[in-house]
mmCIF file of all heavy atoms, coordinates in Angstrom:
data_MODEL
# 
_entry.id   MODEL 
# 
loop_
_atom_site.group_PDB 
_atom_site.id 
_atom_site.type_symbol 
_atom_site.label_atom_id 
_atom_site.label_alt_id 
_atom_site.label_comp_id 
_atom_site.label_asym_id 
_atom_site.label_entity_id 
_atom_site.label_seq_id 
_atom_site.pdbx_PDB_ins_code 
_atom_site.Cartn_x 
_atom_site.Cartn_y 
_atom_site.Cartn_z 
_atom_site.occupancy 
_atom_site.B_iso_or_equiv 
_atom_site.pdbx_formal_charge 
_atom_site.auth_seq_id 
_atom_site.auth_comp_id 
_atom_site.auth_asym_id 
_atom_site.auth_atom_id 
_atom_site.pdbx_PDB_model_num 
ATOM 1   N N   . TYR A 1 1  ? 166.792 135.937 58.778 1.00 0.00 ? 1  TYR A N   1 
ATOM 2   C CA  . TYR A 1 1  ? 167.669 136.430 59.834 1.00 0.00 ? 1  TYR A CA  1 
ATOM 3   C C   . TYR A 1 1  ? 167.447 135.619 61.101 1.00 0.00 ? 1  TYR A C   1 
ATOM 4   O O   . TYR A 1 1  ? 166.303 135.453 61.542 1.00 0.00 ? 1  TYR A O   1 
ATOM 5   C CB  . TYR A 1 1  ? 167.416 137.916 60.111 1.00 0.00 ? 1  TYR A CB  1 
ATOM 6   C CG  . TYR A 1 1  ? 167.703 138.766 58.898 1.00 0.00 ? 1  TYR A CG  1 
ATOM 7   C CD1 . TYR A 1 1  ? 166.712 139.050 57.962 1.00 0.00 ? 1  TYR A CD1 1 
ATOM 8   C CD2 . TYR A 1 1  ? 168.989 139.241 58.665 1.00 0.00 ? 1  TYR A CD2 1 
ATOM 9   C CE1 . TYR A 1 1  ? 166.987 139.794 56.836 1.00 0.00 ? 1  TYR A CE1 1 
ATOM 10  C CE2 . TYR A 1 1  ? 169.279 139.988 57.541 1.00 0.00 ? 1  TYR A CE2 1 
ATOM 11  C CZ  . TYR A 1 1  ? 168.280 140.265 56.627 1.00 0.00 ? 1  TYR A CZ  1 
ATOM 12  O OH  . TYR A 1 1  ? 168.547 140.994 55.497 1.00 0.00 ? 1  TYR A OH  1 
ATOM 13  N N   . ARG A 1 2  ? 168.542 135.132 61.659 1.00 0.00 ? 2  ARG A N   1 
ATOM 14  C CA  . ARG A 1 2  ? 168.463 134.422 62.933 1.00 0.00 ? 2  ARG A CA  1 
ATOM 15  C C   . ARG A 1 2  ? 168.271 135.416 64.068 1.00 0.00 ? 2  ARG A C   1 
ATOM 16  O O   . ARG A 1 2  ? 168.568 136.610 63.930 1.00 0.00 ? 2  ARG A O   1 
ATOM 17  C CB  . ARG A 1 2  ? 169.756 133.621 63.154 1.00 0.00 ? 2  ARG A CB  1 
ATOM 18  C CG  . ARG A 1 2  ? 170.016 132.547 62.112 1.00 0.00 ? 2  ARG A CG  1 
ATOM 19  C CD  . ARG A 1 2  ? 169.301 131.255 62.435 1.00 0.00 ? 2  ARG A CD  1 
ATOM 20  N NE  . ARG A 1 2  ? 169.829 130.640 63.643 1.00 0.00 ? 2  ARG A NE  1 
ATOM 21  C CZ  . ARG A 1 2  ? 170.876 129.815 63.657 1.00 0.00 ? 2  ARG A CZ  1 
ATOM 22  N NH1 . ARG A 1 2  ? 171.535 129.536 62.536 1.00 0.00 ? 2  ARG A NH1 1 
ATOM 23  N NH2 . ARG A 1 2  ? 171.276 129.264 64.793 1.00 0.00 ? 2  ARG A NH2 1 
ATOM 24  N N   . MET A 1 3  ? 167.818 134.927 65.195 1.00 0.00 ? 3  MET A N   1 
ATOM 25  C CA  . MET A 1 3  ? 167.633 135.788 66.359 1.00 0.00 ? 3  MET A CA  1 
ATOM 26  C C   . MET A 1 3  ? 168.964 136.448 66.739 1.00 0.00 ? 3  MET A C   1 
ATOM 27  O O   . MET A 1 3  ? 170.010 135.793 66.795 1.00 0.00 ? 3  MET A O   1 
ATOM 28  C CB  . MET A 1 3  ? 167.121 134.973 67.545 1.00 0.00 ? 3  MET A CB  1 
ATOM 29  C CG  . MET A 1 3  ? 166.673 135.823 68.728 1.00 0.00 ? 3  MET A CG  1 
ATOM 30  S SD  . MET A 1 3  ? 165.887 134.839 70.027 1.00 0.00 ? 3  MET A SD  1 
ATOM 31  C CE  . MET A 1 3  ? 167.328 134.199 70.866 1.00 0.00 ? 3  MET A CE  1 
ATOM 32  N N   . GLY A 1 4  ? 168.932 137.760 66.939 1.00 0.00 ? 4  GLY A N   1 
ATOM 33  C CA  . GLY A 1 4  ? 170.116 138.493 67.346 1.00 0.00 ? 4  GLY A CA  1 
ATOM 34  C C   . GLY A 1 4  ? 170.959 139.042 66.206 1.00 0.00 ? 4  GLY A C   1 
ATOM 35  O O   . GLY A 1 4  ? 171.965 139.715 66.453 1.00 0.00 ? 4  GLY A O   1 
ATOM 36  N N   . GLU A 1 5  ? 170.567 138.794 64.971 1.00 0.00 ? 5  GLU A N   1 
ATOM 37  C CA  . GLU A 1 5  ? 171.358 139.308 63.834 1.00 0.00 ? 5  GLU A CA  1 
ATOM 38  C C   . GLU A 1 5  ? 170.978 140.747 63.498 1.00 0.00 ? 5  GLU A C   1 
ATOM 39  O O   . GLU A 1 5  ? 170.710 141.094 62.346 1.00 0.00 ? 5  GLU A O   1 
ATOM 40  C CB  . GLU A 1 5  ? 171.179 138.413 62.604 1.00 0.00 ? 5  GLU A CB  1 
ATOM 41  C CG  . GLU A 1 5  ? 171.911 137.097 62.677 1.00 0.00 ? 5  GLU A CG  1 
ATOM 42  C CD  . GLU A 1 5  ? 171.973 136.404 61.320 1.00 0.00 ? 5  GLU A CD  1 
ATOM 43  O OE1 . GLU A 1 5  ? 170.920 135.978 60.823 1.00 0.00 ? 5  GLU A OE1 1 
ATOM 44  O OE2 . GLU A 1 5  ? 173.072 136.313 60.767 1.00 0.00 ? 5  GLU A OE2 1 
ATOM 45  N N   . GLU A 1 6  ? 171.006 141.614 64.501 1.00 0.00 ? 6  GLU A N   1 
ATOM 46  C CA  . GLU A 1 6  ? 170.562 142.997 64.302 1.00 0.00 ? 6  GLU A CA  1 
ATOM 47  C C   . GLU A 1 6  ? 171.455 143.768 63.345 1.00 0.00 ? 6  GLU A C   1 
ATOM 48  O O   . GLU A 1 6  ? 170.971 144.542 62.515 1.00 0.00 ? 6  GLU A O   1 
ATOM 49  C CB  . GLU A 1 6  ? 170.503 143.724 65.654 1.00 0.00 ? 6  GLU A CB  1 
ATOM 50  C CG  . GLU A 1 6  ? 169.334 143.265 66.514 1.00 0.00 ? 6  GLU A CG  1 
ATOM 51  C CD  . GLU A 1 6  ? 169.746 142.974 67.937 1.00 0.00 ? 6  GLU A CD  1 
ATOM 52  O OE1 . GLU A 1 6  ? 170.422 141.962 68.168 1.00 0.00 ? 6  GLU A OE1 1 
ATOM 53  O OE2 . GLU A 1 6  ? 169.378 143.769 68.811 1.00 0.00 ? 6  GLU A OE2 1 
ATOM 54  N N   . LYS A 1 7  ? 172.762 143.574 63.457 1.00 0.00 ? 7  LYS A N   1 
ATOM 55  C CA  . LYS A 1 7  ? 173.684 144.331 62.611 1.00 0.00 ? 7  LYS A CA  1 
ATOM 56  C C   . LYS A 1 7  ? 173.477 143.996 61.137 1.00 0.00 ? 7  LYS A C   1 
ATOM 57  O O   . LYS A 1 7  ? 173.416 144.887 60.290 1.00 0.00 ? 7  LYS A O   1 
ATOM 58  C CB  . LYS A 1 7  ? 175.125 144.052 63.025 1.00 0.00 ? 7  LYS A CB  1 
ATOM 59  C CG  . LYS A 1 7  ? 176.136 144.914 62.282 1.00 0.00 ? 7  LYS A CG  1 
ATOM 60  C CD  . LYS A 1 7  ? 177.547 144.710 62.825 1.00 0.00 ? 7  LYS A CD  1 
ATOM 61  C CE  . LYS A 1 7  ? 178.541 145.603 62.081 1.00 0.00 ? 7  LYS A CE  1 
ATOM 62  N NZ  . LYS A 1 7  ? 179.919 145.423 62.596 1.00 0.00 ? 7  LYS A NZ  1 
ATOM 63  N N   . ARG A 1 8  ? 173.383 142.710 60.832 1.00 0.00 ? 8  ARG A N   1 
ATOM 64  C CA  . ARG A 1 8  ? 173.177 142.281 59.438 1.00 0.00 ? 8  ARG A CA  1 
ATOM 65  C C   . ARG A 1 8  ? 171.842 142.788 58.906 1.00 0.00 ? 8  ARG A C   1 
ATOM 66  O O   . ARG A 1 8  ? 171.759 143.266 57.769 1.00 0.00 ? 8  ARG A O   1 
ATOM 67  C CB  . ARG A 1 8  ? 173.252 140.755 59.372 1.00 0.00 ? 8  ARG A CB  1 
ATOM 68  C CG  . ARG A 1 8  ? 173.028 140.186 57.995 1.00 0.00 ? 8  ARG A CG  1 
ATOM 69  C CD  . ARG A 1 8  ? 173.346 138.708 57.926 1.00 0.00 ? 8  ARG A CD  1 
ATOM 70  N NE  . ARG A 1 8  ? 172.686 138.108 56.792 1.00 0.00 ? 8  ARG A NE  1 
ATOM 71  C CZ  . ARG A 1 8  ? 171.642 137.303 56.865 1.00 0.00 ? 8  ARG A CZ  1 
ATOM 72  N NH1 . ARG A 1 8  ? 171.135 136.975 58.051 1.00 0.00 ? 8  ARG A NH1 1 
ATOM 73  N NH2 . ARG A 1 8  ? 171.090 136.793 55.790 1.00 0.00 ? 8  ARG A NH2 1 
ATOM 74  N N   . LEU A 1 9  ? 170.798 142.716 59.721 1.00 0.00 ? 9  LEU A N   1 
ATOM 75  C CA  . LEU A 1 9  ? 169.481 143.190 59.313 1.00 0.00 ? 9  LEU A CA  1 
ATOM 76  C C   . LEU A 1 9  ? 169.507 144.702 59.098 1.00 0.00 ? 9  LEU A C   1 
ATOM 77  O O   . LEU A 1 9  ? 168.944 145.207 58.118 1.00 0.00 ? 9  LEU A O   1 
ATOM 78  C CB  . LEU A 1 9  ? 168.439 142.821 60.368 1.00 0.00 ? 9  LEU A CB  1 
ATOM 79  C CG  . LEU A 1 9  ? 167.016 143.372 60.176 1.00 0.00 ? 9  LEU A CG  1 
ATOM 80  C CD1 . LEU A 1 9  ? 166.433 142.910 58.850 1.00 0.00 ? 9  LEU A CD1 1 
ATOM 81  C CD2 . LEU A 1 9  ? 166.121 142.940 61.327 1.00 0.00 ? 9  LEU A CD2 1 
ATOM 82  N N   . ASN A 1 10 ? 170.159 145.420 59.988 1.00 0.00 ? 10 ASN A N   1 
ATOM 83  C CA  . ASN A 1 10 ? 170.201 146.876 59.885 1.00 0.00 ? 10 ASN A CA  1 
ATOM 84  C C   . ASN A 1 10 ? 170.913 147.327 58.608 1.00 0.00 ? 10 ASN A C   1 
ATOM 85  O O   . ASN A 1 10 ? 170.548 148.339 58.002 1.00 0.00 ? 10 ASN A O   1 
ATOM 86  C CB  . ASN A 1 10 ? 170.884 147.474 61.113 1.00 0.00 ? 10 ASN A CB  1 
ATOM 87  C CG  . ASN A 1 10 ? 170.531 148.936 61.299 1.00 0.00 ? 10 ASN A CG  1 
ATOM 88  O OD1 . ASN A 1 10 ? 169.377 149.337 61.150 1.00 0.00 ? 10 ASN A OD1 1 
ATOM 89  N ND2 . ASN A 1 10 ? 171.521 149.743 61.607 1.00 0.00 ? 10 ASN A ND2 1 
ATOM 90  N N   . ASN A 1 11 ? 171.922 146.574 58.192 1.00 0.00 ? 11 ASN A N   1 
ATOM 91  C CA  . ASN A 1 11 ? 172.618 146.900 56.944 1.00 0.00 ? 11 ASN A CA  1 
ATOM 92  C C   . ASN A 1 11 ? 171.673 146.857 55.749 1.00 0.00 ? 11 ASN A C   1 
ATOM 93  O O   . ASN A 1 11 ? 171.735 147.706 54.858 1.00 0.00 ? 11 ASN A O   1 
ATOM 94  C CB  . ASN A 1 11 ? 173.782 145.922 56.723 1.00 0.00 ? 11 ASN A CB  1 
ATOM 95  C CG  . ASN A 1 11 ? 174.950 146.200 57.643 1.00 0.00 ? 11 ASN A CG  1 
ATOM 96  O OD1 . ASN A 1 11 ? 175.077 147.299 58.168 1.00 0.00 ? 11 ASN A OD1 1 
ATOM 97  N ND2 . ASN A 1 11 ? 175.799 145.204 57.849 1.00 0.00 ? 11 ASN A ND2 1 
ATOM 98  N N   . VAL A 1 12 ? 170.812 145.866 55.732 1.00 0.00 ? 12 VAL A N   1 
ATOM 99  C CA  . VAL A 1 12 ? 169.852 145.749 54.628 1.00 0.00 ? 12 VAL A CA  1 
ATOM 100 C C   . VAL A 1 12 ? 168.802 146.854 54.695 1.00 0.00 ? 12 VAL A C   1 
ATOM 101 O O   . VAL A 1 12 ? 168.456 147.474 53.686 1.00 0.00 ? 12 VAL A O   1 
ATOM 102 C CB  . VAL A 1 12 ? 169.180 144.358 54.640 1.00 0.00 ? 12 VAL A CB  1 
ATOM 103 C CG1 . VAL A 1 12 ? 167.986 144.329 53.701 1.00 0.00 ? 12 VAL A CG1 1 
ATOM 104 C CG2 . VAL A 1 12 ? 170.184 143.295 54.227 1.00 0.00 ? 12 VAL A CG2 1 
ATOM 105 N N   . LEU A 1 13 ? 168.291 147.125 55.891 1.00 0.00 ? 13 LEU A N   1 
ATOM 106 C CA  . LEU A 1 13 ? 167.288 148.182 56.044 1.00 0.00 ? 13 LEU A CA  1 
ATOM 107 C C   . LEU A 1 13 ? 167.861 149.534 55.637 1.00 0.00 ? 13 LEU A C   1 
ATOM 108 O O   . LEU A 1 13 ? 167.165 150.382 55.066 1.00 0.00 ? 13 LEU A O   1 
ATOM 109 C CB  . LEU A 1 13 ? 166.786 148.227 57.488 1.00 0.00 ? 13 LEU A CB  1 
ATOM 110 C CG  . LEU A 1 13 ? 166.062 146.969 57.975 1.00 0.00 ? 13 LEU A CG  1 
ATOM 111 C CD1 . LEU A 1 13 ? 165.689 147.114 59.443 1.00 0.00 ? 13 LEU A CD1 1 
ATOM 112 C CD2 . LEU A 1 13 ? 164.822 146.679 57.147 1.00 0.00 ? 13 LEU A CD2 1 
ATOM 113 N N   . ASP A 1 14 ? 169.135 149.733 55.934 1.00 0.00 ? 14 ASP A N   1 
ATOM 114 C CA  . ASP A 1 14 ? 169.803 150.975 55.546 1.00 0.00 ? 14 ASP A CA  1 
ATOM 115 C C   . ASP A 1 14 ? 169.908 151.073 54.027 1.00 0.00 ? 14 ASP A C   1 
ATOM 116 O O   . ASP A 1 14 ? 169.681 152.131 53.439 1.00 0.00 ? 14 ASP A O   1 
ATOM 117 C CB  . ASP A 1 14 ? 171.197 151.021 56.186 1.00 0.00 ? 14 ASP A CB  1 
ATOM 118 C CG  . ASP A 1 14 ? 171.923 152.314 55.859 1.00 0.00 ? 14 ASP A CG  1 
ATOM 119 O OD1 . ASP A 1 14 ? 171.372 153.388 56.163 1.00 0.00 ? 14 ASP A OD1 1 
ATOM 120 O OD2 . ASP A 1 14 ? 173.031 152.256 55.299 1.00 0.00 ? 14 ASP A OD2 1 
ATOM 121 N N   . LYS A 1 15 ? 170.245 149.965 53.375 1.00 0.00 ? 15 LYS A N   1 
ATOM 122 C CA  . LYS A 1 15 ? 170.377 149.944 51.917 1.00 0.00 ? 15 LYS A CA  1 
ATOM 123 C C   . LYS A 1 15 ? 169.069 150.328 51.231 1.00 0.00 ? 15 LYS A C   1 
ATOM 124 O O   . LYS A 1 15 ? 169.074 150.967 50.178 1.00 0.00 ? 15 LYS A O   1 
ATOM 125 C CB  . LYS A 1 15 ? 170.814 148.544 51.471 1.00 0.00 ? 15 LYS A CB  1 
ATOM 126 C CG  . LYS A 1 15 ? 170.937 148.362 49.964 1.00 0.00 ? 15 LYS A CG  1 
ATOM 127 C CD  . LYS A 1 15 ? 171.346 146.946 49.623 1.00 0.00 ? 15 LYS A CD  1 
ATOM 128 C CE  . LYS A 1 15 ? 171.411 146.738 48.115 1.00 0.00 ? 15 LYS A CE  1 
ATOM 129 N NZ  . LYS A 1 15 ? 171.738 145.362 47.746 1.00 0.00 ? 15 LYS A NZ  1 
ATOM 130 N N   . TYR A 1 16 ? 167.959 149.949 51.837 1.00 0.00 ? 16 TYR A N   1 
ATOM 131 C CA  . TYR A 1 16 ? 166.662 150.231 51.219 1.00 0.00 ? 16 TYR A CA  1 
ATOM 132 C C   . TYR A 1 16 ? 166.009 151.502 51.754 1.00 0.00 ? 16 TYR A C   1 
ATOM 133 O O   . TYR A 1 16 ? 164.874 151.813 51.393 1.00 0.00 ? 16 TYR A O   1 
ATOM 134 C CB  . TYR A 1 16 ? 165.734 149.012 51.377 1.00 0.00 ? 16 TYR A CB  1 
ATOM 135 C CG  . TYR A 1 16 ? 166.154 147.876 50.475 1.00 0.00 ? 16 TYR A CG  1 
ATOM 136 C CD1 . TYR A 1 16 ? 167.000 146.871 50.937 1.00 0.00 ? 16 TYR A CD1 1 
ATOM 137 C CD2 . TYR A 1 16 ? 165.757 147.838 49.152 1.00 0.00 ? 16 TYR A CD2 1 
ATOM 138 C CE1 . TYR A 1 16 ? 167.410 145.847 50.103 1.00 0.00 ? 16 TYR A CE1 1 
ATOM 139 C CE2 . TYR A 1 16 ? 166.166 146.822 48.304 1.00 0.00 ? 16 TYR A CE2 1 
ATOM 140 C CZ  . TYR A 1 16 ? 166.992 145.833 48.785 1.00 0.00 ? 16 TYR A CZ  1 
ATOM 141 O OH  . TYR A 1 16 ? 167.414 144.830 47.943 1.00 0.00 ? 16 TYR A OH  1 
ATOM 142 N N   . GLY A 1 17 ? 166.717 152.232 52.616 1.00 0.00 ? 17 GLY A N   1 
ATOM 143 C CA  . GLY A 1 17 ? 166.299 153.585 52.954 1.00 0.00 ? 17 GLY A CA  1 
ATOM 144 C C   . GLY A 1 17 ? 165.161 153.720 53.940 1.00 0.00 ? 17 GLY A C   1 
ATOM 145 O O   . GLY A 1 17 ? 164.461 154.746 53.936 1.00 0.00 ? 17 GLY A O   1 
ATOM 146 N N   . TYR A 1 18 ? 164.937 152.735 54.799 1.00 0.00 ? 18 TYR A N   1 
ATOM 147 C CA  . TYR A 1 18 ? 163.814 152.824 55.735 1.00 0.00 ? 18 TYR A CA  1 
ATOM 148 C C   . TYR A 1 18 ? 164.159 153.705 56.934 1.00 0.00 ? 18 TYR A C   1 
ATOM 149 O O   . TYR A 1 18 ? 165.313 153.748 57.381 1.00 0.00 ? 18 TYR A O   1 
ATOM 150 C CB  . TYR A 1 18 ? 163.410 151.427 56.209 1.00 0.00 ? 18 TYR A CB  1 
ATOM 151 C CG  . TYR A 1 18 ? 162.831 150.585 55.098 1.00 0.00 ? 18 TYR A CG  1 
ATOM 152 C CD1 . TYR A 1 18 ? 163.369 149.339 54.777 1.00 0.00 ? 18 TYR A CD1 1 
ATOM 153 C CD2 . TYR A 1 18 ? 161.759 151.039 54.340 1.00 0.00 ? 18 TYR A CD2 1 
ATOM 154 C CE1 . TYR A 1 18 ? 162.844 148.566 53.744 1.00 0.00 ? 18 TYR A CE1 1 
ATOM 155 C CE2 . TYR A 1 18 ? 161.230 150.284 53.312 1.00 0.00 ? 18 TYR A CE2 1 
ATOM 156 C CZ  . TYR A 1 18 ? 161.777 149.054 53.012 1.00 0.00 ? 18 TYR A CZ  1 
ATOM 157 O OH  . TYR A 1 18 ? 161.267 148.303 51.996 1.00 0.00 ? 18 TYR A OH  1 
ATOM 158 N N   . ASP A 1 19 ? 163.140 154.401 57.472 1.00 0.00 ? 19 ASP A N   1 
ATOM 159 C CA  . ASP A 1 19 ? 163.387 155.334 58.570 1.00 0.00 ? 19 ASP A CA  1 
ATOM 160 C C   . ASP A 1 19 ? 163.466 154.603 59.912 1.00 0.00 ? 19 ASP A C   1 
ATOM 161 O O   . ASP A 1 19 ? 163.281 153.387 60.003 1.00 0.00 ? 19 ASP A O   1 
ATOM 162 C CB  . ASP A 1 19 ? 162.327 156.440 58.597 1.00 0.00 ? 19 ASP A CB  1 
ATOM 163 C CG  . ASP A 1 19 ? 160.924 155.923 58.883 1.00 0.00 ? 19 ASP A CG  1 
ATOM 164 O OD1 . ASP A 1 19 ? 160.791 154.814 59.445 1.00 0.00 ? 19 ASP A OD1 1 
ATOM 165 O OD2 . ASP A 1 19 ? 159.955 156.623 58.556 1.00 0.00 ? 19 ASP A OD2 1 
ATOM 166 N N   . ASN A 1 20 ? 163.715 155.366 60.963 1.00 0.00 ? 20 ASN A N   1 
ATOM 167 C CA  . ASN A 1 20 ? 163.975 154.775 62.281 1.00 0.00 ? 20 ASN A CA  1 
ATOM 168 C C   . ASN A 1 20 ? 162.785 154.021 62.856 1.00 0.00 ? 20 ASN A C   1 
ATOM 169 O O   . ASN A 1 20 ? 162.953 152.993 63.515 1.00 0.00 ? 20 ASN A O   1 
ATOM 170 C CB  . ASN A 1 20 ? 164.430 155.862 63.261 1.00 0.00 ? 20 ASN A CB  1 
ATOM 171 C CG  . ASN A 1 20 ? 165.859 156.290 62.999 1.00 0.00 ? 20 ASN A CG  1 
ATOM 172 O OD1 . ASN A 1 20 ? 166.656 155.529 62.446 1.00 0.00 ? 20 ASN A OD1 1 
ATOM 173 N ND2 . ASN A 1 20 ? 166.194 157.515 63.361 1.00 0.00 ? 20 ASN A ND2 1 
ATOM 174 N N   . SER A 1 21 ? 161.571 154.523 62.630 1.00 0.00 ? 21 SER A N   1 
ATOM 175 C CA  . SER A 1 21 ? 160.405 153.846 63.196 1.00 0.00 ? 21 SER A CA  1 
ATOM 176 C C   . SER A 1 21 ? 160.221 152.471 62.572 1.00 0.00 ? 21 SER A C   1 
ATOM 177 O O   . SER A 1 21 ? 159.857 151.505 63.255 1.00 0.00 ? 21 SER A O   1 
ATOM 178 C CB  . SER A 1 21 ? 159.141 154.696 62.984 1.00 0.00 ? 21 SER A CB  1 
ATOM 179 O OG  . SER A 1 21 ? 158.872 154.868 61.601 1.00 0.00 ? 21 SER A OG  1 
ATOM 180 N N   . VAL A 1 22 ? 160.476 152.355 61.281 1.00 0.00 ? 22 VAL A N   1 
ATOM 181 C CA  . VAL A 1 22 ? 160.399 151.061 60.604 1.00 0.00 ? 22 VAL A CA  1 
ATOM 182 C C   . VAL A 1 22 ? 161.515 150.143 61.100 1.00 0.00 ? 22 VAL A C   1 
ATOM 183 O O   . VAL A 1 22 ? 161.298 148.972 61.419 1.00 0.00 ? 22 VAL A O   1 
ATOM 184 C CB  . VAL A 1 22 ? 160.490 151.240 59.070 1.00 0.00 ? 22 VAL A CB  1 
ATOM 185 C CG1 . VAL A 1 22 ? 160.624 149.884 58.369 1.00 0.00 ? 22 VAL A CG1 1 
ATOM 186 C CG2 . VAL A 1 22 ? 159.269 151.984 58.549 1.00 0.00 ? 22 VAL A CG2 1 
ATOM 187 N N   . ARG A 1 23 ? 162.713 150.674 61.213 1.00 0.00 ? 23 ARG A N   1 
ATOM 188 C CA  . ARG A 1 23 ? 163.847 149.876 61.667 1.00 0.00 ? 23 ARG A CA  1 
ATOM 189 C C   . ARG A 1 23 ? 163.612 149.312 63.064 1.00 0.00 ? 23 ARG A C   1 
ATOM 190 O O   . ARG A 1 23 ? 163.927 148.157 63.341 1.00 0.00 ? 23 ARG A O   1 
ATOM 191 C CB  . ARG A 1 23 ? 165.114 150.724 61.678 1.00 0.00 ? 23 ARG A CB  1 
ATOM 192 C CG  . ARG A 1 23 ? 165.628 151.080 60.302 1.00 0.00 ? 23 ARG A CG  1 
ATOM 193 C CD  . ARG A 1 23 ? 166.987 151.706 60.418 1.00 0.00 ? 23 ARG A CD  1 
ATOM 194 N NE  . ARG A 1 23 ? 167.335 152.426 59.205 1.00 0.00 ? 23 ARG A NE  1 
ATOM 195 C CZ  . ARG A 1 23 ? 168.576 152.719 58.862 1.00 0.00 ? 23 ARG A CZ  1 
ATOM 196 N NH1 . ARG A 1 23 ? 169.559 152.365 59.642 1.00 0.00 ? 23 ARG A NH1 1 
ATOM 197 N NH2 . ARG A 1 23 ? 168.832 153.378 57.753 1.00 0.00 ? 23 ARG A NH2 1 
ATOM 198 N N   . LYS A 1 24 ? 163.077 150.145 63.935 1.00 0.00 ? 24 LYS A N   1 
ATOM 199 C CA  . LYS A 1 24 ? 162.835 149.693 65.310 1.00 0.00 ? 24 LYS A CA  1 
ATOM 200 C C   . LYS A 1 24 ? 161.879 148.510 65.340 1.00 0.00 ? 24 LYS A C   1 
ATOM 201 O O   . LYS A 1 24 ? 162.042 147.584 66.139 1.00 0.00 ? 24 LYS A O   1 
ATOM 202 C CB  . LYS A 1 24 ? 162.283 150.851 66.148 1.00 0.00 ? 24 LYS A CB  1 
ATOM 203 C CG  . LYS A 1 24 ? 163.340 151.877 66.530 1.00 0.00 ? 24 LYS A CG  1 
ATOM 204 C CD  . LYS A 1 24 ? 162.729 153.019 67.352 1.00 0.00 ? 24 LYS A CD  1 
ATOM 205 C CE  . LYS A 1 24 ? 163.795 154.057 67.701 1.00 0.00 ? 24 LYS A CE  1 
ATOM 206 N NZ  . LYS A 1 24 ? 163.222 155.202 68.454 1.00 0.00 ? 24 LYS A NZ  1 
ATOM 207 N N   . SER A 1 25 ? 160.866 148.535 64.475 1.00 0.00 ? 25 SER A N   1 
ATOM 208 C CA  . SER A 1 25 ? 159.911 147.424 64.418 1.00 0.00 ? 25 SER A CA  1 
ATOM 209 C C   . SER A 1 25 ? 160.610 146.129 64.038 1.00 0.00 ? 25 SER A C   1 
ATOM 210 O O   . SER A 1 25 ? 160.396 145.081 64.654 1.00 0.00 ? 25 SER A O   1 
ATOM 211 C CB  . SER A 1 25 ? 158.800 147.730 63.407 1.00 0.00 ? 25 SER A CB  1 
ATOM 212 O OG  . SER A 1 25 ? 158.049 148.864 63.779 1.00 0.00 ? 25 SER A OG  1 
ATOM 213 N N   . PHE A 1 26 ? 161.469 146.212 63.019 1.00 0.00 ? 26 PHE A N   1 
ATOM 214 C CA  . PHE A 1 26 ? 162.189 145.029 62.557 1.00 0.00 ? 26 PHE A CA  1 
ATOM 215 C C   . PHE A 1 26 ? 163.198 144.558 63.602 1.00 0.00 ? 26 PHE A C   1 
ATOM 216 O O   . PHE A 1 26 ? 163.278 143.367 63.920 1.00 0.00 ? 26 PHE A O   1 
ATOM 217 C CB  . PHE A 1 26 ? 162.916 145.332 61.245 1.00 0.00 ? 26 PHE A CB  1 
ATOM 218 C CG  . PHE A 1 26 ? 162.045 145.370 60.028 1.00 0.00 ? 26 PHE A CG  1 
ATOM 219 C CD1 . PHE A 1 26 ? 161.170 146.415 59.808 1.00 0.00 ? 26 PHE A CD1 1 
ATOM 220 C CD2 . PHE A 1 26 ? 162.095 144.357 59.086 1.00 0.00 ? 26 PHE A CD2 1 
ATOM 221 C CE1 . PHE A 1 26 ? 160.375 146.472 58.674 1.00 0.00 ? 26 PHE A CE1 1 
ATOM 222 C CE2 . PHE A 1 26 ? 161.308 144.392 57.948 1.00 0.00 ? 26 PHE A CE2 1 
ATOM 223 C CZ  . PHE A 1 26 ? 160.438 145.457 57.747 1.00 0.00 ? 26 PHE A CZ  1 
# 
């Protein structure tokens, strides 16, 4: 993931079911 690709990264994190605290770290 390039810098600033939050939306694309969040889509993947959502697919794998990670909670908000994990998402915030990423």
